[in-house]
Protein backbone atom coordinates (compact mmCIF):
# COMPACT_ATOMS: atom_id res chain seq x y z
CA MET A 1 -5.31 -11.51 -33.53
CA ALA A 2 -7.53 -10.63 -36.50
CA TYR A 3 -8.97 -14.15 -36.57
CA ARG A 4 -9.69 -14.21 -32.83
CA LEU A 5 -11.24 -10.74 -32.98
CA ALA A 6 -13.48 -11.64 -35.92
CA ASP A 7 -14.59 -14.78 -34.09
CA GLN A 8 -15.36 -12.77 -30.93
CA LEU A 9 -17.39 -10.16 -32.79
CA THR A 10 -19.48 -12.64 -34.76
CA GLN A 11 -20.05 -15.33 -32.12
CA ARG A 12 -20.47 -13.25 -28.94
CA TYR A 13 -21.83 -9.95 -30.24
CA GLY A 14 -23.68 -11.04 -33.37
CA ALA A 15 -21.89 -8.45 -35.48
CA ASP A 16 -21.21 -8.59 -39.20
CA VAL A 17 -17.49 -8.35 -39.91
CA VAL A 18 -15.54 -7.38 -43.01
CA VAL A 19 -11.91 -8.57 -43.01
CA LEU A 20 -9.65 -6.49 -45.24
CA MET A 21 -6.24 -7.93 -46.12
CA THR A 22 -3.62 -7.94 -48.84
CA ARG A 23 -2.92 -10.91 -51.10
CA ASP A 24 0.31 -11.69 -49.27
CA GLN A 25 -1.51 -11.69 -45.93
CA HIS A 26 -4.21 -13.95 -47.36
CA ARG A 27 -1.67 -16.53 -48.55
CA SER A 28 0.00 -16.81 -45.14
CA GLY A 29 -2.98 -16.06 -42.87
CA ARG A 30 -5.83 -18.04 -41.34
CA ASP A 31 -8.87 -19.19 -43.30
CA PHE A 32 -11.57 -16.65 -42.42
CA THR A 33 -14.15 -18.34 -44.63
CA GLU A 34 -14.82 -20.88 -41.86
CA LEU A 35 -16.30 -18.07 -39.72
CA SER A 36 -19.96 -17.19 -40.20
CA ARG A 37 -21.04 -13.59 -40.87
CA VAL A 38 -17.53 -12.70 -42.11
CA ARG A 39 -16.93 -11.21 -45.55
CA LEU A 40 -13.37 -11.30 -46.88
CA VAL A 41 -12.03 -8.46 -49.05
CA ILE A 42 -8.62 -9.06 -50.65
CA VAL A 43 -6.76 -6.10 -52.17
CA ASP A 44 -3.27 -5.37 -53.46
CA ARG A 45 -2.74 -2.53 -50.98
CA VAL A 46 -4.72 -1.24 -48.01
CA ASP A 47 -5.48 2.42 -48.72
CA GLU A 48 -8.50 4.75 -48.90
CA LYS A 49 -9.76 2.98 -52.03
CA ALA A 50 -9.58 -0.38 -50.25
CA LEU A 51 -11.40 1.04 -47.21
CA LEU A 52 -14.22 2.25 -49.44
CA GLN A 53 -14.32 -1.16 -51.12
CA ALA A 54 -14.82 -2.67 -47.64
CA GLU A 55 -17.78 -0.28 -47.18
CA ILE A 56 -16.22 1.62 -44.30
CA GLN A 57 -18.89 4.28 -44.64
CA GLU A 58 -21.41 1.74 -43.28
CA ALA A 59 -19.17 0.53 -40.43
CA SER A 60 -19.56 1.32 -36.74
CA GLY A 61 -15.86 0.77 -36.05
CA ILE A 62 -12.54 -0.36 -37.45
CA ALA A 63 -9.82 -2.48 -35.80
CA LEU A 64 -6.25 -2.35 -37.13
CA THR A 65 -4.49 -5.56 -36.05
CA VAL A 66 -1.38 -5.74 -38.24
CA GLN A 67 1.94 -5.92 -36.37
CA ASP A 68 3.11 -2.64 -37.91
CA ASP A 69 2.80 0.48 -35.76
CA VAL A 70 3.49 2.99 -38.53
CA GLY A 71 1.27 1.19 -41.03
CA ASN A 72 -1.61 1.07 -38.54
CA ILE A 73 -1.26 4.80 -37.80
CA HIS A 74 -1.35 5.56 -41.53
CA ILE A 75 -4.54 3.54 -42.06
CA ALA A 76 -6.11 5.08 -38.93
CA LEU A 77 -5.51 8.57 -40.33
CA GLN A 78 -7.03 7.56 -43.67
CA ALA A 79 -10.09 6.12 -41.93
CA ARG A 80 -10.47 9.26 -39.80
CA ASP A 81 -10.44 11.43 -42.96
CA LEU A 82 -13.21 9.31 -44.48
CA LEU A 83 -15.34 9.13 -41.32
CA PRO A 84 -14.46 11.67 -38.59
CA ASN A 85 -16.71 9.97 -35.98
CA LEU A 86 -15.65 6.36 -36.66
CA ARG A 87 -14.62 4.25 -33.68
CA VAL A 88 -10.95 3.23 -34.18
CA VAL A 89 -9.06 0.51 -32.29
CA VAL A 90 -5.35 0.25 -33.07
CA ARG A 91 -2.93 -2.53 -32.19
CA MET A 92 0.46 -1.01 -31.38
CA TYR A 93 3.59 -2.28 -29.70
CA ASN A 94 4.83 1.20 -28.73
CA THR A 95 2.30 2.13 -26.05
CA HIS A 96 3.96 5.49 -25.32
CA LEU A 97 3.35 6.56 -28.91
CA GLY A 98 -0.12 5.03 -28.66
CA GLN A 99 -1.15 7.35 -25.82
CA ALA A 100 -0.39 10.36 -28.00
CA ILE A 101 -2.27 8.81 -30.92
CA GLU A 102 -5.36 8.32 -28.74
CA ARG A 103 -5.44 12.02 -27.85
CA LEU A 104 -4.96 13.15 -31.44
CA LEU A 105 -7.46 10.82 -33.13
CA GLY A 106 -10.35 11.42 -30.73
CA ASP A 107 -12.61 8.34 -30.53
CA CYS A 108 -9.69 5.94 -30.56
CA ARG A 109 -8.29 3.18 -28.36
CA VAL A 110 -4.70 1.93 -28.67
CA LEU A 111 -3.99 -1.52 -27.21
CA SER A 112 -0.98 -3.82 -27.09
CA ASP A 113 -1.67 -7.55 -27.06
CA ALA A 114 1.86 -8.20 -25.78
CA GLU A 115 1.41 -5.79 -22.89
CA ILE A 116 -1.95 -7.36 -21.97
CA ALA A 117 -0.72 -10.96 -22.05
CA ALA A 118 2.89 -10.72 -20.80
CA PRO A 119 2.14 -10.41 -17.03
CA ALA A 120 -0.09 -13.48 -17.12
CA LEU A 121 2.53 -15.46 -19.05
CA VAL A 122 5.28 -14.57 -16.58
CA ALA A 123 3.11 -15.39 -13.59
CA THR A 124 2.17 -18.77 -15.07
CA ALA A 125 5.77 -19.67 -15.84
CA LEU A 126 6.88 -18.81 -12.29
CA GLY A 127 3.93 -20.54 -10.64
CA GLU A 128 2.48 -17.29 -9.32
CA VAL A 129 -0.69 -15.24 -9.76
CA ALA A 130 -0.63 -12.30 -12.18
CA ALA A 131 -0.98 -9.53 -9.60
CA THR A 132 -1.19 -6.72 -12.16
CA PRO A 133 -2.89 -3.83 -10.32
CA VAL A 134 -6.10 -2.25 -11.65
CA THR A 135 -7.31 1.09 -10.27
CA VAL A 136 -11.07 1.38 -9.72
CA ALA A 137 -12.52 4.49 -8.06
CA GLY A 138 -9.28 5.27 -6.27
CA ARG A 139 -8.74 1.70 -5.06
CA THR A 140 -6.03 -0.62 -6.32
CA LEU A 141 -7.30 -4.14 -6.99
CA ILE A 142 -5.13 -7.19 -7.62
CA VAL A 143 -5.64 -10.89 -8.28
CA ALA A 144 -4.24 -13.12 -5.54
CA LYS A 145 -4.56 -16.50 -3.91
CA ARG A 146 -6.94 -16.50 -0.94
CA ASN A 147 -4.24 -17.58 1.51
CA ASP A 148 -1.88 -14.76 0.43
CA VAL A 149 -4.09 -11.82 1.48
CA PRO A 150 -6.08 -11.03 4.64
CA GLU A 151 -9.78 -11.85 4.56
CA ARG A 152 -10.72 -8.19 5.08
CA ASP A 153 -9.00 -7.21 1.79
CA ILE A 154 -10.91 -9.70 -0.38
CA VAL A 155 -13.45 -8.06 -2.70
CA CYS A 156 -14.86 -11.23 -4.31
CA GLY A 157 -13.98 -14.74 -5.36
CA LEU A 158 -12.83 -15.21 -8.95
CA ALA A 159 -12.24 -18.89 -9.63
CA ASP A 160 -11.84 -22.32 -8.14
CA THR A 161 -8.68 -23.84 -9.63
CA SER A 162 -8.39 -26.75 -7.21
CA THR A 163 -10.52 -29.13 -9.30
CA LEU A 164 -9.30 -31.18 -12.23
CA GLY A 165 -9.87 -29.78 -15.70
CA ASP A 166 -10.77 -26.18 -16.48
CA PRO A 167 -11.22 -23.79 -13.52
CA ARG A 168 -14.72 -22.83 -12.36
CA LEU A 169 -15.12 -19.09 -12.86
CA LEU A 170 -17.09 -16.98 -10.35
CA PRO A 171 -18.43 -20.00 -8.42
CA ALA A 172 -21.20 -19.65 -5.85
CA GLY A 173 -19.04 -21.30 -3.16
CA GLU A 174 -15.46 -20.78 -2.01
CA SER A 175 -12.76 -19.67 -4.46
CA ASP A 176 -9.03 -20.12 -4.08
CA LEU A 177 -8.36 -17.25 -6.55
CA VAL A 178 -9.74 -13.89 -5.39
CA LEU A 179 -9.88 -10.21 -6.27
CA ALA A 180 -8.41 -8.21 -3.39
CA GLU A 181 -7.67 -4.61 -2.51
CA ALA A 182 -3.97 -3.79 -2.22
CA ARG A 183 -3.97 -2.00 1.13
CA SER A 184 -2.29 -4.49 3.49
CA ALA A 185 1.43 -5.19 3.55
CA GLU A 186 0.83 -8.70 2.20
CA ALA A 187 -1.12 -7.43 -0.80
CA VAL A 188 1.38 -4.66 -1.56
CA GLU A 189 4.17 -7.23 -1.54
CA LEU A 190 2.41 -9.17 -4.30
CA ILE A 191 2.60 -6.23 -6.71
CA ASN A 192 6.17 -5.36 -5.81
CA THR A 193 7.96 -6.00 -9.07
CA VAL A 194 11.49 -5.91 -7.67
CA ARG A 195 12.07 -9.38 -6.27
CA VAL A 196 15.72 -10.31 -6.22
CA PRO A 197 16.13 -14.09 -6.27
CA GLY A 198 18.38 -15.86 -3.81
CA PRO A 199 22.06 -16.42 -4.56
CA ALA A 200 23.17 -19.34 -6.66
CA PRO A 201 23.82 -22.53 -4.66
CA LYS A 202 27.42 -22.89 -3.47
CA HIS A 203 27.57 -26.64 -2.85
CA ARG A 204 30.77 -28.58 -3.52
CA TRP A 205 29.75 -29.58 -7.05
CA TRP A 206 29.20 -25.96 -8.13
CA ARG A 207 32.77 -25.37 -9.31
CA LEU A 208 32.79 -28.63 -11.26
CA ARG A 209 29.50 -27.78 -12.99
CA ALA A 210 30.71 -24.27 -13.77
CA ALA A 211 33.95 -25.60 -15.30
CA ARG A 212 32.06 -28.17 -17.37
CA ALA A 213 29.64 -25.53 -18.67
CA MET A 214 32.55 -23.24 -19.57
CA VAL A 215 34.31 -26.03 -21.51
CA ARG A 216 31.10 -26.80 -23.40
CA ALA A 217 30.79 -23.14 -24.38
CA LEU A 218 34.35 -23.00 -25.76
CA VAL A 219 34.89 -26.44 -27.32
CA SER A 220 32.67 -28.33 -29.75
CA ARG A 221 31.41 -31.74 -28.71
CA LYS A 222 32.96 -33.69 -31.63
CA LEU A 223 36.41 -32.21 -31.11
CA GLY A 224 36.19 -32.88 -27.38
CA ILE A 225 35.25 -36.53 -27.97
CA ALA A 226 38.16 -36.99 -30.39
CA PHE A 227 40.66 -35.49 -27.92
CA ILE A 228 39.37 -37.62 -25.01
CA THR A 229 39.52 -40.75 -27.20
CA VAL A 230 43.20 -40.15 -28.07
CA ILE A 231 44.16 -39.46 -24.44
CA LEU A 232 42.40 -42.62 -23.27
CA THR A 233 44.19 -44.60 -25.97
CA LEU A 234 47.56 -43.35 -24.68
CA LEU A 235 46.70 -44.07 -21.05
CA VAL A 236 45.36 -47.57 -21.69
CA SER A 237 48.20 -48.52 -24.02
CA GLY A 238 50.81 -47.21 -21.58
CA ALA A 239 49.23 -49.11 -18.68
CA LEU A 240 49.10 -52.36 -20.68
CA LEU A 241 52.73 -51.89 -21.73
CA ALA A 242 53.81 -51.50 -18.09
CA PHE A 243 51.83 -54.52 -16.89
CA ALA A 244 52.84 -56.78 -19.82
CA ASN A 245 56.60 -56.45 -19.07
CA GLU A 246 57.69 -57.16 -15.52
CA SER A 247 60.97 -55.26 -16.04
CA ILE A 248 59.06 -52.02 -16.75
CA GLY A 249 57.87 -50.18 -13.66
CA GLY A 250 55.31 -47.42 -13.29
CA TRP A 251 57.66 -44.53 -14.07
CA ASP A 252 59.33 -46.42 -16.93
CA GLY A 253 55.91 -47.13 -18.46
CA PHE A 254 54.95 -43.44 -18.23
CA TYR A 255 58.34 -42.44 -19.70
CA LEU A 256 58.14 -44.90 -22.60
CA THR A 257 54.58 -43.78 -23.38
CA LEU A 258 55.60 -40.11 -23.69
CA VAL A 259 58.76 -40.92 -25.67
CA ASN A 260 56.89 -43.11 -28.17
CA ALA A 261 54.00 -40.65 -28.41
CA PHE A 262 55.98 -37.49 -29.12
CA GLY A 263 59.25 -38.93 -30.50
CA GLY A 264 57.92 -41.81 -32.53
CA PRO A 265 58.20 -45.56 -31.83
CA GLN A 266 61.72 -46.57 -30.70
CA GLU A 267 63.15 -50.02 -31.58
CA HIS A 268 63.28 -52.46 -28.65
CA ALA A 269 64.44 -55.96 -29.60
CA ASP A 270 63.42 -57.40 -26.23
CA PHE A 271 59.74 -56.40 -26.71
CA SER A 272 57.24 -59.12 -27.49
CA ARG A 273 54.80 -58.91 -30.41
CA PHE A 274 52.03 -57.60 -28.13
CA GLU A 275 54.33 -54.96 -26.64
CA GLN A 276 55.43 -53.85 -30.11
CA VAL A 277 51.77 -53.48 -31.19
CA LEU A 278 51.13 -51.33 -28.12
CA GLN A 279 54.22 -49.26 -28.94
CA ILE A 280 53.00 -48.64 -32.50
CA LEU A 281 49.50 -47.75 -31.22
CA ILE A 282 51.03 -45.24 -28.83
CA GLY A 283 53.00 -43.70 -31.69
CA ILE A 284 49.89 -43.35 -33.88
CA ALA A 285 47.95 -41.75 -31.03
CA GLY A 286 50.87 -39.41 -30.43
CA LEU A 287 50.67 -38.23 -34.04
CA ALA A 288 47.05 -37.18 -33.45
CA VAL A 289 47.68 -35.39 -30.15
CA VAL A 290 49.52 -32.34 -31.54
CA PRO A 291 46.93 -31.35 -34.23
CA LEU A 292 44.08 -31.99 -31.78
CA VAL A 293 45.64 -29.76 -29.14
CA THR A 294 46.21 -27.07 -31.77
CA ALA A 295 42.59 -27.34 -32.93
CA LEU A 296 41.34 -27.10 -29.33
CA ILE A 297 43.36 -23.94 -28.69
CA VAL A 298 42.27 -22.25 -31.94
CA GLU A 299 38.59 -23.17 -31.51
CA GLY A 300 38.60 -22.11 -27.87
CA MET A 301 40.08 -18.71 -28.71
CA VAL A 302 37.61 -18.11 -31.55
CA ASN A 303 34.59 -19.19 -29.49
CA ALA A 304 35.77 -17.15 -26.52
CA ARG A 305 36.06 -14.03 -28.68
CA ILE A 306 32.55 -14.60 -30.09
CA ALA A 307 31.16 -15.31 -26.62
CA VAL A 308 32.67 -12.14 -25.19
CA THR A 309 31.21 -10.11 -28.06
CA GLN A 310 27.72 -11.59 -27.55
CA GLY A 311 27.89 -11.49 -23.77
CA LYS A 312 27.75 -15.27 -23.33
CA LEU A 313 31.05 -15.79 -21.53
CA VAL A 314 29.65 -15.32 -18.05
CA GLN A 315 29.34 -17.50 -15.00
CA PRO A 316 26.97 -20.40 -15.81
CA LEU A 317 23.48 -19.61 -14.57
CA VAL A 318 21.36 -21.73 -12.25
CA ASP A 319 17.69 -21.17 -11.39
CA HIS A 320 17.29 -18.79 -14.31
CA VAL A 321 14.46 -18.42 -16.85
CA VAL A 322 14.99 -19.30 -20.52
CA VAL A 323 12.84 -17.30 -22.97
CA VAL A 324 12.44 -18.61 -26.54
CA GLY A 325 11.48 -15.91 -29.02
CA LEU A 326 12.26 -12.19 -28.90
CA GLY A 327 9.31 -10.81 -30.81
CA GLY A 328 6.79 -8.42 -29.29
CA VAL A 329 5.68 -10.84 -26.55
CA GLY A 330 9.18 -12.11 -25.77
CA THR A 331 10.47 -8.55 -25.46
CA ARG A 332 7.77 -7.68 -22.92
CA VAL A 333 8.49 -10.89 -21.03
CA ILE A 334 12.25 -10.32 -20.65
CA ARG A 335 11.62 -6.75 -19.47
CA LEU A 336 9.19 -7.95 -16.80
CA LEU A 337 11.59 -10.67 -15.66
CA SER A 338 14.50 -8.24 -15.57
CA ASP A 339 12.45 -5.72 -13.55
CA ARG A 340 11.84 -8.45 -11.00
CA GLY A 341 15.55 -9.20 -10.73
CA MET A 342 15.31 -12.63 -12.38
CA ARG A 343 18.27 -14.11 -14.24
CA VAL A 344 17.29 -14.57 -17.90
CA VAL A 345 18.75 -16.22 -21.03
CA ALA A 346 17.03 -15.51 -24.38
CA ILE A 347 17.01 -17.56 -27.60
CA ASP A 348 16.06 -16.40 -31.09
CA ASN A 349 17.09 -17.53 -34.56
CA ASN A 350 17.09 -13.94 -35.84
CA PRO A 351 19.97 -11.72 -34.70
CA GLN A 352 17.88 -8.68 -35.72
CA ALA A 353 14.83 -9.63 -33.65
CA ARG A 354 12.90 -6.85 -31.90
CA GLY A 355 14.06 -7.80 -28.41
CA VAL A 356 17.80 -8.17 -29.11
CA PRO A 357 18.70 -4.48 -28.48
CA LEU A 358 16.71 -4.50 -25.21
CA ALA A 359 18.40 -7.73 -24.11
CA ASN A 360 21.83 -6.22 -24.76
CA GLU A 361 20.82 -3.11 -22.84
CA LEU A 362 19.67 -5.18 -19.86
CA GLY A 363 22.74 -7.44 -19.97
CA ILE A 364 20.71 -10.54 -20.87
CA PRO A 365 22.66 -13.19 -22.84
CA VAL A 366 21.12 -13.85 -26.26
CA ILE A 367 21.80 -17.14 -28.04
CA VAL A 368 21.22 -16.88 -31.78
CA GLY A 369 20.13 -20.33 -32.89
CA ASP A 370 17.30 -22.76 -33.49
CA ALA A 371 15.43 -23.32 -30.22
CA SER A 372 13.98 -26.58 -31.57
CA ARG A 373 17.47 -28.17 -31.35
CA GLU A 374 18.59 -29.73 -28.10
CA THR A 375 22.14 -28.37 -28.44
CA THR A 376 20.81 -24.80 -28.47
CA LEU A 377 18.79 -25.44 -25.33
CA ARG A 378 21.82 -26.99 -23.63
CA SER A 379 23.88 -23.90 -24.33
CA ALA A 380 21.13 -21.84 -22.65
CA GLY A 381 21.32 -24.03 -19.54
CA VAL A 382 17.82 -25.48 -19.81
CA ASP A 383 19.00 -28.54 -17.85
CA ARG A 384 19.51 -26.33 -14.76
CA CYS A 385 17.00 -23.48 -15.27
CA ARG A 386 13.93 -22.62 -13.22
CA ALA A 387 11.45 -22.32 -16.10
CA LEU A 388 11.29 -22.39 -19.89
CA MET A 389 9.02 -19.92 -21.69
CA ALA A 390 8.47 -20.82 -25.35
CA VAL A 391 6.74 -17.66 -26.65
CA ALA A 392 7.89 -17.54 -30.28
CA SER A 393 5.29 -16.72 -32.93
CA THR A 394 5.39 -20.26 -34.39
CA ASP A 395 3.56 -23.11 -32.64
CA VAL A 396 5.92 -25.78 -34.03
CA ILE A 397 9.06 -24.13 -32.65
CA ASN A 398 7.43 -23.61 -29.25
CA LEU A 399 6.25 -27.22 -29.04
CA GLU A 400 9.61 -28.69 -30.10
CA ALA A 401 11.48 -26.46 -27.64
CA ALA A 402 9.13 -27.53 -24.84
CA LEU A 403 9.55 -31.24 -25.57
CA HIS A 404 13.36 -31.00 -25.80
CA GLY A 405 13.41 -28.96 -22.59
CA ARG A 406 11.44 -31.69 -20.81
CA ASN A 407 13.95 -34.27 -22.03
CA LEU A 408 16.83 -32.26 -20.55
CA GLN A 409 15.00 -31.68 -17.24
CA PRO A 410 11.94 -33.91 -16.63
CA SER A 411 10.62 -31.75 -13.77
CA LEU A 412 11.04 -28.49 -15.70
CA ARG A 413 8.18 -25.96 -15.54
CA VAL A 414 7.36 -25.16 -19.19
CA LEU A 415 5.07 -22.49 -20.61
CA VAL A 416 4.12 -23.02 -24.26
CA ARG A 417 2.52 -20.37 -26.42
CA LEU A 418 0.04 -22.11 -28.76
CA PHE A 419 -2.59 -20.45 -30.93
CA ASP A 420 -4.74 -23.49 -31.71
CA GLY A 421 -7.04 -24.28 -28.78
CA ASP A 422 -7.67 -27.87 -29.88
CA LEU A 423 -3.94 -28.51 -30.22
CA SER A 424 -3.42 -27.00 -26.78
CA ARG A 425 -5.92 -29.39 -25.18
CA ARG A 426 -4.34 -32.42 -26.86
CA VAL A 427 -0.82 -31.32 -25.92
CA ARG A 428 -1.80 -30.97 -22.27
CA THR A 429 -3.18 -34.51 -22.28
CA ALA A 430 -0.64 -36.34 -24.45
CA PHE A 431 2.62 -34.58 -23.50
CA ASN A 432 1.78 -33.46 -19.94
CA LEU A 433 2.49 -29.84 -20.84
CA LYS A 434 -0.05 -28.25 -18.49
CA PHE A 435 0.73 -24.60 -19.14
CA THR A 436 -0.28 -23.62 -22.67
CA ARG A 437 -1.40 -20.09 -23.44
CA SER A 438 -2.55 -18.08 -26.46
CA VAL A 439 -1.69 -14.37 -26.54
CA SER A 440 -4.48 -13.54 -28.97
CA TYR A 441 -7.00 -15.47 -26.86
CA VAL A 442 -6.10 -13.40 -23.80
CA ALA A 443 -6.00 -10.05 -25.63
CA ALA A 444 -8.88 -10.44 -28.11
CA PRO A 445 -11.64 -9.72 -25.54
CA ALA A 446 -10.08 -6.35 -24.70
CA PHE A 447 -9.94 -5.44 -28.42
CA ALA A 448 -13.53 -6.58 -28.96
CA GLU A 449 -14.86 -4.64 -25.97
CA ALA A 450 -12.97 -1.52 -27.07
CA LEU A 451 -14.37 -1.85 -30.59
CA MET A 452 -17.90 -2.23 -29.22
CA ASP A 453 -17.30 0.90 -27.10
CA ARG A 454 -17.74 -0.86 -23.78
CA ASP A 455 -16.07 0.47 -20.67
CA VAL A 456 -13.81 -2.47 -19.78
CA ILE A 457 -11.37 -1.50 -17.03
CA GLY A 458 -9.13 -4.54 -17.25
CA THR A 459 -8.83 -8.22 -18.07
CA ILE A 460 -8.01 -11.11 -15.72
CA SER A 461 -6.43 -14.23 -17.17
CA VAL A 462 -7.33 -17.53 -15.48
CA GLU A 463 -5.36 -20.23 -17.29
CA ARG A 464 -6.76 -20.14 -20.86
CA ARG A 465 -9.93 -18.24 -19.89
CA VAL A 466 -10.52 -14.53 -19.38
CA LEU A 467 -12.57 -12.48 -16.92
CA LEU A 468 -13.43 -8.82 -17.50
CA LEU A 469 -13.61 -5.87 -15.10
CA ALA A 470 -16.24 -3.51 -16.50
CA GLN A 471 -18.58 -0.66 -15.56
CA ILE A 472 -22.23 -0.55 -16.67
CA VAL A 473 -24.71 2.33 -16.39
CA VAL A 474 -28.27 1.20 -15.65
CA ALA A 475 -30.61 3.00 -18.06
CA PRO A 476 -34.08 4.23 -16.97
CA GLY A 477 -36.77 1.69 -17.85
CA SER A 478 -34.27 -1.14 -18.29
CA ARG A 479 -34.95 -4.66 -17.04
CA LEU A 480 -32.28 -4.19 -14.35
CA ALA A 481 -33.67 -0.97 -12.88
CA GLY A 482 -35.59 -1.68 -9.67
CA LYS A 483 -34.07 -5.13 -9.28
CA LYS A 484 -31.88 -6.26 -6.39
CA VAL A 485 -28.13 -6.69 -6.57
CA SER A 486 -28.62 -10.43 -6.19
CA ASP A 487 -30.61 -10.39 -9.45
CA ALA A 488 -27.58 -8.98 -11.28
CA ASP A 489 -25.25 -11.57 -9.76
CA GLU A 490 -25.13 -14.89 -11.57
CA ALA A 491 -22.87 -17.77 -10.57
CA GLY A 492 -20.32 -18.49 -13.26
CA GLU A 493 -21.28 -15.36 -15.23
CA ALA A 494 -21.15 -12.05 -13.30
CA ARG A 495 -20.54 -10.56 -9.87
CA VAL A 496 -21.29 -6.96 -8.79
CA ILE A 497 -18.39 -5.65 -6.69
CA ALA A 498 -19.35 -1.95 -6.42
CA LEU A 499 -22.35 0.32 -6.96
CA THR A 500 -22.14 4.09 -7.47
CA GLU A 501 -25.32 6.13 -7.13
CA LEU A 502 -25.93 9.10 -9.41
CA GLY A 503 -24.20 12.17 -7.96
CA GLU A 504 -22.20 10.21 -5.37
CA PRO A 505 -18.41 10.65 -5.67
CA ARG A 506 -17.56 7.30 -4.09
CA PRO A 507 -18.88 3.83 -4.89
CA MET A 508 -20.43 1.42 -2.40
CA TRP A 509 -18.15 -1.62 -2.31
CA ASN A 510 -19.62 -5.11 -1.93
CA PRO A 511 -23.23 -3.87 -1.84
CA ALA A 512 -25.74 -6.00 0.06
CA GLU A 513 -27.64 -8.56 -1.98
CA HIS A 514 -31.00 -6.98 -1.10
CA ARG A 515 -29.82 -3.49 -2.19
CA GLU A 516 -32.12 -2.14 -4.90
CA ILE A 517 -30.54 -0.99 -8.17
CA GLN A 518 -31.82 2.42 -9.24
CA ALA A 519 -31.84 3.95 -12.71
CA ARG A 520 -28.55 5.68 -13.63
CA ASP A 521 -26.59 3.67 -11.05
CA LEU A 522 -23.09 2.71 -12.13
CA LEU A 523 -22.31 -0.98 -11.57
CA THR A 524 -18.73 -2.23 -11.38
CA VAL A 525 -18.74 -5.93 -12.23
CA VAL A 526 -16.42 -8.88 -12.69
CA CYS A 527 -17.81 -11.11 -15.40
CA THR A 528 -17.20 -13.42 -18.29
CA ARG A 529 -17.66 -12.19 -21.83
CA ASP A 530 -21.09 -13.82 -22.09
CA GLY A 531 -22.03 -12.47 -18.68
CA LEU A 532 -21.09 -8.93 -19.70
CA SER A 533 -23.19 -9.17 -22.86
CA ARG A 534 -26.23 -10.28 -20.86
CA LEU A 535 -25.78 -7.53 -18.26
CA ILE A 536 -25.46 -4.85 -20.93
CA ARG A 537 -28.67 -6.01 -22.59
CA ARG A 538 -30.49 -6.02 -19.24
CA ALA A 539 -29.15 -2.57 -18.31
CA ALA A 540 -29.96 -1.00 -21.70
CA ALA A 541 -32.96 1.23 -22.29
CA PRO A 542 -35.98 -0.54 -23.85
CA GLN A 543 -36.23 -0.36 -27.60
CA PRO A 544 -39.16 1.69 -28.97
CA VAL A 545 -41.99 -0.36 -30.44
CA ALA A 546 -42.49 0.23 -34.17
C-alpha cells in the first residue's frame, strides 16, 4: 500500500514524498528508490524524533499505511501534537474504531483497504458486478450491467467490457456497465446481500461422492492404498485357487481363502505347486490384514476427533467458494460471502490468523495447511467448488493455489490476488487466469485522494482499473466557469452526472450538454484519476501573477 500510494502521489499529483520506515520494514519491503521524487528515511523506531527527521513540519499531510491499528493511532497522535492542523490519513482494519478516531483527531480520514476492495473481489469471483451502493444527494447509486436495470434508472455509462483486452472506460458510445439509481425492484435486488444459494444437487451419485469424501477426510491416502492392495491380493489369489482346481467350487474357494488368510496356510498334499504358491500368498496377505485394519480404525478415530474439533466433519460441500488466506482481505471476503448465504471453506497455514475466530463464529470450516499443495485443496473440495479465491498476502502462494485448483477442475473460476501488474498481465496470457486483482491498486486512489483533501465519494473497480465518484466546486474566474457541461465531459476521462447550483438543496441530475456551468456550482462527476486531476485544475481559481 505504501509503494502504490507513493507512486500515485508522485506520478499523478506531482507531489514530493518522504517514506519513513524502520530497518526491518526496509529489509522486507519494496524498493522505493526506483520511484522519482521519493526520499527514503530509515530509522530504528518511528516516533516523534523520526517524524521530525522526515521534516513533518514542512508536510501538507501524512499517511499511515502499516497494518497495525494501534501503532497507526499512536503515530497519528504524535503527528497531531507536532502539527495540530496536519492532514492525517490512517489505514485501519477496525473501521468502527476508525470512525471514533476521525471525530477525535479532527482533519483525519480513516480508510480500510480490505473494506474497499473486498466487494469487488467477491463480485469478480462470482461473475457478478460489485453493486456496492453509494449515496449521493439522497440517491442510492449502484454499478450494474445495462441489461439488469431499467433504462430509466441508468445515470451514465461506465465501461465497455465486451471488447478483448482492457475495458474502455467512460466511452462515448454504448456501455454494457452502467451507473444506475437503485429505485426499481430490479436494482434493489442487486444490492440485496442475502442471497441463499440453491440446494445441493441430489442426483444418484451424490451419496457415493459424499461417502468417498468422508473416507478421504478420515483415512490417509497411503494407508488406504495399502489396505486396498492387500484385499485385492486376497480376492485374486482366492479366485485363481478356485479356478485352478476343478474340485474346488465357489464357496470352497471363498472358505479356503479365509481359512488360509486368518488361520495360516494349511497343508494340502493334493495341491499342485501353483496352488501351494497361491496358498502361501494368501497367508502372507492375511498376516497384513489385521494390522492394517487396526491402523485404519485408529487413524479414523483420531482424524474424526480432530475433524469434529475443527468443524470439518460435515456433509461434503458442492457449489461452495474456497477462500485461501484469512488475513485482513480474506476476513472481509468470508464475511461478505457468509452474509450472502454462500457456503464457504477457508484455508490458511496459520491457525492464529486474523479471520480464524470469525470463521469459527460463522460456522465456516477452516483447513490449516499449505494452500500451494494439491492435497490441501482436495480436502477443501476445490474439485467440486463454484469458485476459488486466492487472496493471501503472498503472490507465490496465490499463484500456486490457482494453478493447482485449475488442475483439479479445468473449468474452475479462479480469482488471484497479485501485487505485480506486469506479472498479472503475463499470468493472464500464459496461464489463462483472467481474473487477477491487486488490493492496493484498487484502494490506493482512495488513500491518495483523501491525502490530497479531495472530496471523493466512492471508488468503482472495473477489472484492474478504478473509476472515482467525486464532487468539485467551480471557483469564480476558473477556466470551467461559463463553459457548457459538454466542455467538462471528456470521453474516457470524465462524465458530469449531476450539477448543484449555489443555494439549491437538490442537484440537477444528468444536466443537458448545453447547460452553462456557473461559478460556485457543485459538479458531481464520474472520472478516472487523470480526469479528476484535470477537472480540479480547470475548476480551480486562477493563480495570482507575481
